[in-house]
């Protein structure tokens, strides 16, 4: 029972490899799929959480590695964790402190993420709560980012992580 929007259903990241690239993307059921462009093969990676858990998931790339960021609720609390797939299994590499993550419990929140260097920006959005957080996956340091304010001085309720790399050498 994923809380994702249908627009993010096939969220993806590209991670360069020795012979091409591996594309990681989310399937309609919330599993992570990998496509190796060099060998033209697909693989469905093992689930991070059992099917009956309520969660929101996104994929992100940092420093040439792929990660899955998962916001889940279990036993009256919420957790936000960063997982890396390596050697055939998911390994947790970062977790938001419980005091920060507990505020998401019961909010039916969705996450949207983007990575750069060793950092992942996580935007958490729901009808009741919105916020952006930065995680350094190398040190597991988390910080809440200041609220975004529009030109009229009002807080922007919905935020989404979006990345692009400016390419000034490309002619349009």
C-alpha atoms as a PDB file:
ATOM      1  CA  UNK A   1       0.000   0.000   0.000  1.00  0.00           C
ATOM      2  CA  UNK A   2       2.275   2.719  -1.275  1.00  0.00           C
ATOM      3  CA  UNK A   3       1.560   6.392  -0.745  1.00  0.00           C
ATOM      4  CA  UNK A   4       3.257   7.457  -3.962  1.00  0.00           C
ATOM      5  CA  UNK A   5       1.676   9.610  -6.590  1.00  0.00           C
ATOM      6  CA  UNK A   6       1.024   7.923  -9.925  1.00  0.00           C
ATOM      7  CA  UNK A   7       3.353  10.442 -11.590  1.00  0.00           C
ATOM      8  CA  UNK A   8       6.311   9.094  -9.601  1.00  0.00           C
ATOM      9  CA  UNK A   9       5.456   5.466 -10.291  1.00  0.00           C
ATOM     10  CA  UNK A  10       8.389   4.978 -12.656  1.00  0.00           C
ATOM     11  CA  UNK A  11      10.925   7.217 -10.909  1.00  0.00           C
ATOM     12  CA  UNK A  12      14.428   6.313 -12.061  1.00  0.00           C
ATOM     13  CA  UNK A  13      18.143   7.018 -11.727  1.00  0.00           C
ATOM     14  CA  UNK A  14      21.080   6.165 -13.972  1.00  0.00           C
ATOM     15  CA  UNK A  15      24.353   4.936 -12.476  1.00  0.00           C
ATOM     16  CA  UNK A  16      27.374   4.718 -14.818  1.00  0.00           C
ATOM     17  CA  UNK A  17      29.115   1.330 -14.934  1.00  0.00           C
ATOM     18  CA  UNK A  18      32.307   0.036 -16.536  1.00  0.00           C
ATOM     19  CA  UNK A  19      30.574  -0.986 -19.775  1.00  0.00           C
ATOM     20  CA  UNK A  20      27.615   1.399 -19.907  1.00  0.00           C
ATOM     21  CA  UNK A  21      25.068   2.216 -17.264  1.00  0.00           C
ATOM     22  CA  UNK A  22      22.567   0.630 -14.931  1.00  0.00           C
ATOM     23  CA  UNK A  23      19.129   2.210 -14.738  1.00  0.00           C
ATOM     24  CA  UNK A  24      17.243   1.709 -11.464  1.00  0.00           C
ATOM     25  CA  UNK A  25      13.528   2.445 -11.414  1.00  0.00           C
ATOM     26  CA  UNK A  26      10.398   1.754  -9.399  1.00  0.00           C
ATOM     27  CA  UNK A  27       7.839  -0.731 -10.634  1.00  0.00           C
ATOM     28  CA  UNK A  28       4.079  -0.314 -10.229  1.00  0.00           C
ATOM     29  CA  UNK A  29       4.228  -2.536  -7.122  1.00  0.00           C
ATOM     30  CA  UNK A  30       6.987  -0.543  -5.417  1.00  0.00           C
ATOM     31  CA  UNK A  31       9.893  -2.890  -6.069  1.00  0.00           C
ATOM     32  CA  UNK A  32      13.151  -1.611  -7.506  1.00  0.00           C
ATOM     33  CA  UNK A  33      14.070  -2.868 -10.973  1.00  0.00           C
ATOM     34  CA  UNK A  34      17.548  -2.684 -12.512  1.00  0.00           C
ATOM     35  CA  UNK A  35      18.331  -2.557 -16.218  1.00  0.00           C
ATOM     36  CA  UNK A  36      21.936  -3.105 -17.288  1.00  0.00           C
ATOM     37  CA  UNK A  37      22.262  -1.258 -20.589  1.00  0.00           C
ATOM     38  CA  UNK A  38      25.456  -3.089 -21.597  1.00  0.00           C
ATOM     39  CA  UNK A  39      24.064  -6.621 -21.255  1.00  0.00           C
ATOM     40  CA  UNK A  40      20.466  -5.568 -21.949  1.00  0.00           C
ATOM     41  CA  UNK A  41      19.184  -7.459 -18.925  1.00  0.00           C
ATOM     42  CA  UNK A  42      16.548  -6.623 -16.327  1.00  0.00           C
ATOM     43  CA  UNK A  43      16.425  -7.751 -12.715  1.00  0.00           C
ATOM     44  CA  UNK A  44      13.834  -7.249 -10.006  1.00  0.00           C
ATOM     45  CA  UNK A  45      15.722  -6.545  -6.794  1.00  0.00           C
ATOM     46  CA  UNK A  46      14.578  -8.101  -3.506  1.00  0.00           C
ATOM     47  CA  UNK A  47      11.924  -6.174  -1.576  1.00  0.00           C
ATOM     48  CA  UNK A  48      13.194  -3.977   1.234  1.00  0.00           C
ATOM     49  CA  UNK A  49       9.977  -4.329   3.256  1.00  0.00           C
ATOM     50  CA  UNK A  50       7.264  -6.998   3.223  1.00  0.00           C
ATOM     51  CA  UNK A  51       4.255  -6.385   0.989  1.00  0.00           C
ATOM     52  CA  UNK A  52       1.831  -5.590   3.843  1.00  0.00           C
ATOM     53  CA  UNK A  53       3.859  -2.617   5.151  1.00  0.00           C
ATOM     54  CA  UNK A  54       2.705   0.909   4.367  1.00  0.00           C
ATOM     55  CA  UNK A  55       5.560   2.916   2.911  1.00  0.00           C
ATOM     56  CA  UNK A  56       6.758   5.457   0.393  1.00  0.00           C
ATOM     57  CA  UNK A  57       9.887   4.773  -1.650  1.00  0.00           C
ATOM     58  CA  UNK A  58      12.125   6.627  -4.084  1.00  0.00           C
ATOM     59  CA  UNK A  59      15.378   5.809  -5.865  1.00  0.00           C
ATOM     60  CA  UNK A  60      18.374   8.133  -5.938  1.00  0.00           C
ATOM     61  CA  UNK A  61      21.999   8.098  -7.137  1.00  0.00           C
ATOM     62  CA  UNK A  62      24.973   9.491  -5.200  1.00  0.00           C
ATOM     63  CA  UNK A  63      28.661   9.245  -6.091  1.00  0.00           C
ATOM     64  CA  UNK A  64      28.085   6.520  -8.675  1.00  0.00           C
ATOM     65  CA  UNK A  65      25.945   4.302  -6.430  1.00  0.00           C
ATOM     66  CA  UNK A  66      22.198   3.708  -6.281  1.00  0.00           C
ATOM     67  CA  UNK A  67      20.115   4.002  -3.142  1.00  0.00           C
ATOM     68  CA  UNK A  68      16.499   3.499  -2.144  1.00  0.00           C
ATOM     69  CA  UNK A  69      14.986   5.882   0.396  1.00  0.00           C
ATOM     70  CA  UNK A  70      12.071   4.404   2.343  1.00  0.00           C
ATOM     71  CA  UNK A  71       9.595   6.116   4.672  1.00  0.00           C
ATOM     72  CA  UNK A  72       7.630   3.474   6.583  1.00  0.00           C
ATOM     73  CA  UNK A  73       5.240   3.220   9.519  1.00  0.00           C
ATOM     74  CA  UNK A  74       5.230   0.352  11.993  1.00  0.00           C
ATOM     75  CA  UNK A  75       4.164  -0.072  15.640  1.00  0.00           C
ATOM     76  CA  UNK A  76       2.991   3.522  16.157  1.00  0.00           C
ATOM     77  CA  UNK A  77       6.126   5.154  14.773  1.00  0.00           C
ATOM     78  CA  UNK A  78       7.659   6.187  11.475  1.00  0.00           C
ATOM     79  CA  UNK A  79      11.155   5.658  10.131  1.00  0.00           C
ATOM     80  CA  UNK A  80      13.049   7.088   7.202  1.00  0.00           C
ATOM     81  CA  UNK A  81      15.980   4.959   6.036  1.00  0.00           C
ATOM     82  CA  UNK A  82      18.466   4.958   3.171  1.00  0.00           C
ATOM     83  CA  UNK A  83      19.401   1.576   1.659  1.00  0.00           C
ATOM     84  CA  UNK A  84      22.112   0.617  -0.828  1.00  0.00           C
ATOM     85  CA  UNK A  85      21.963  -2.475  -3.035  1.00  0.00           C
ATOM     86  CA  UNK A  86      25.311  -4.249  -3.200  1.00  0.00           C
ATOM     87  CA  UNK A  87      26.399  -7.852  -3.630  1.00  0.00           C
ATOM     88  CA  UNK A  88      22.857  -9.119  -4.080  1.00  0.00           C
ATOM     89  CA  UNK A  89      21.288  -7.590  -0.965  1.00  0.00           C
ATOM     90  CA  UNK A  90      19.978  -4.320   0.462  1.00  0.00           C
ATOM     91  CA  UNK A  91      22.130  -2.796   3.210  1.00  0.00           C
ATOM     92  CA  UNK A  92      20.979   0.106   5.384  1.00  0.00           C
ATOM     93  CA  UNK A  93      23.490   2.962   5.172  1.00  0.00           C
ATOM     94  CA  UNK A  94      21.623   5.776   6.941  1.00  0.00           C
ATOM     95  CA  UNK A  95      18.593   6.285   9.171  1.00  0.00           C
ATOM     96  CA  UNK A  96      16.921   9.490  10.277  1.00  0.00           C
ATOM     97  CA  UNK A  97      17.003   9.883  14.075  1.00  0.00           C
ATOM     98  CA  UNK A  98      13.739   8.580  15.589  1.00  0.00           C
ATOM     99  CA  UNK A  99      12.924  11.978  17.103  1.00  0.00           C
ATOM    100  CA  UNK A 100      12.916  13.564  13.625  1.00  0.00           C
ATOM    101  CA  UNK A 101      11.093  10.723  11.853  1.00  0.00           C
ATOM    102  CA  UNK A 102       8.331  10.200  14.430  1.00  0.00           C
ATOM    103  CA  UNK A 103       6.602  13.395  13.255  1.00  0.00           C
ATOM    104  CA  UNK A 104       5.725  11.634   9.968  1.00  0.00           C
ATOM    105  CA  UNK A 105       3.656   8.949  11.716  1.00  0.00           C
ATOM    106  CA  UNK A 106       0.032   8.873  10.590  1.00  0.00           C
ATOM    107  CA  UNK A 107       0.524  11.659   8.044  1.00  0.00           C
ATOM    108  CA  UNK A 108       0.248   9.389   4.956  1.00  0.00           C
ATOM    109  CA  UNK A 109       3.336  11.150   3.625  1.00  0.00           C
ATOM    110  CA  UNK A 110       5.049  10.689   0.277  1.00  0.00           C
ATOM    111  CA  UNK A 111       8.776  11.198  -0.286  1.00  0.00           C
ATOM    112  CA  UNK A 112      10.624  12.617  -3.256  1.00  0.00           C
ATOM    113  CA  UNK A 113      14.422  12.502  -3.314  1.00  0.00           C
ATOM    114  CA  UNK A 114      17.469  13.681  -5.221  1.00  0.00           C
ATOM    115  CA  UNK A 115      21.155  12.978  -4.674  1.00  0.00           C
ATOM    116  CA  UNK A 116      24.447  14.739  -5.267  1.00  0.00           C
ATOM    117  CA  UNK A 117      27.883  13.810  -3.947  1.00  0.00           C
ATOM    118  CA  UNK A 118      27.379  12.049  -0.609  1.00  0.00           C
ATOM    119  CA  UNK A 119      24.104  13.862   0.096  1.00  0.00           C
ATOM    120  CA  UNK A 120      20.457  12.978  -0.396  1.00  0.00           C
ATOM    121  CA  UNK A 121      17.736  15.616  -0.196  1.00  0.00           C
ATOM    122  CA  UNK A 122      14.424  14.131   0.940  1.00  0.00           C
ATOM    123  CA  UNK A 123      11.196  16.098   0.507  1.00  0.00           C
ATOM    124  CA  UNK A 124       8.346  14.762   2.651  1.00  0.00           C
ATOM    125  CA  UNK A 125       4.833  15.843   1.650  1.00  0.00           C
ATOM    126  CA  UNK A 126       1.336  15.104   2.885  1.00  0.00           C
ATOM    127  CA  UNK A 127      -1.887  16.991   3.471  1.00  0.00           C
ATOM    128  CA  UNK A 128      -0.777  17.575   7.077  1.00  0.00           C
ATOM    129  CA  UNK A 129       2.994  17.930   6.884  1.00  0.00           C
ATOM    130  CA  UNK A 130       5.664  19.179   4.465  1.00  0.00           C
ATOM    131  CA  UNK A 131       9.405  19.452   4.959  1.00  0.00           C
ATOM    132  CA  UNK A 132      12.797  18.949   3.359  1.00  0.00           C
ATOM    133  CA  UNK A 133      15.742  17.184   4.929  1.00  0.00           C
ATOM    134  CA  UNK A 134      19.357  16.632   3.939  1.00  0.00           C
ATOM    135  CA  UNK A 135      21.204  13.400   4.716  1.00  0.00           C
ATOM    136  CA  UNK A 136      24.922  12.833   4.368  1.00  0.00           C
ATOM    137  CA  UNK A 137      24.969   9.087   3.610  1.00  0.00           C
ATOM    138  CA  UNK A 138      28.681   8.774   4.447  1.00  0.00           C
ATOM    139  CA  UNK A 139      28.267  10.102   8.015  1.00  0.00           C
ATOM    140  CA  UNK A 140      24.512   9.531   8.620  1.00  0.00           C
ATOM    141  CA  UNK A 141      24.118  13.213   9.563  1.00  0.00           C
ATOM    142  CA  UNK A 142      20.600  14.630   9.078  1.00  0.00           C
ATOM    143  CA  UNK A 143      19.371  18.203   9.064  1.00  0.00           C
ATOM    144  CA  UNK A 144      16.023  19.835   8.406  1.00  0.00           C
ATOM    145  CA  UNK A 145      16.232  22.505   5.723  1.00  0.00           C
ATOM    146  CA  UNK A 146      14.593  25.920   6.182  1.00  0.00           C
ATOM    147  CA  UNK A 147      11.046  26.294   4.876  1.00  0.00           C
ATOM    148  CA  UNK A 148      10.640  27.707   1.353  1.00  0.00           C
ATOM    149  CA  UNK A 149       8.807  31.008   1.127  1.00  0.00           C
ATOM    150  CA  UNK A 150       7.251  32.470  -2.018  1.00  0.00           C
ATOM    151  CA  UNK A 151       7.434  36.110  -3.137  1.00  0.00           C
ATOM    152  CA  UNK A 152       4.422  37.037  -0.971  1.00  0.00           C
ATOM    153  CA  UNK A 153       6.082  35.727   2.190  1.00  0.00           C
ATOM    154  CA  UNK A 154       3.853  32.631   2.385  1.00  0.00           C
ATOM    155  CA  UNK A 155       5.265  29.179   3.134  1.00  0.00           C
ATOM    156  CA  UNK A 156       5.166  26.874   0.116  1.00  0.00           C
ATOM    157  CA  UNK A 157       3.206  23.770   1.132  1.00  0.00           C
ATOM    158  CA  UNK A 158       4.356  21.256  -1.479  1.00  0.00           C
ATOM    159  CA  UNK A 159       7.994  20.691  -2.380  1.00  0.00           C
ATOM    160  CA  UNK A 160       9.586  18.166  -4.717  1.00  0.00           C
ATOM    161  CA  UNK A 161      13.216  17.314  -5.261  1.00  0.00           C
ATOM    162  CA  UNK A 162      14.276  17.807  -8.871  1.00  0.00           C
ATOM    163  CA  UNK A 163      17.770  17.670 -10.255  1.00  0.00           C
ATOM    164  CA  UNK A 164      19.362  18.656 -13.479  1.00  0.00           C
ATOM    165  CA  UNK A 165      22.878  19.294 -14.641  1.00  0.00           C
ATOM    166  CA  UNK A 166      23.315  22.524 -16.590  1.00  0.00           C
ATOM    167  CA  UNK A 167      25.097  21.762 -19.854  1.00  0.00           C
ATOM    168  CA  UNK A 168      26.154  25.085 -21.361  1.00  0.00           C
ATOM    169  CA  UNK A 169      27.975  23.358 -24.218  1.00  0.00           C
ATOM    170  CA  UNK A 170      24.716  21.900 -25.614  1.00  0.00           C
ATOM    171  CA  UNK A 171      22.908  23.875 -28.316  1.00  0.00           C
ATOM    172  CA  UNK A 172      19.123  23.848 -28.273  1.00  0.00           C
END
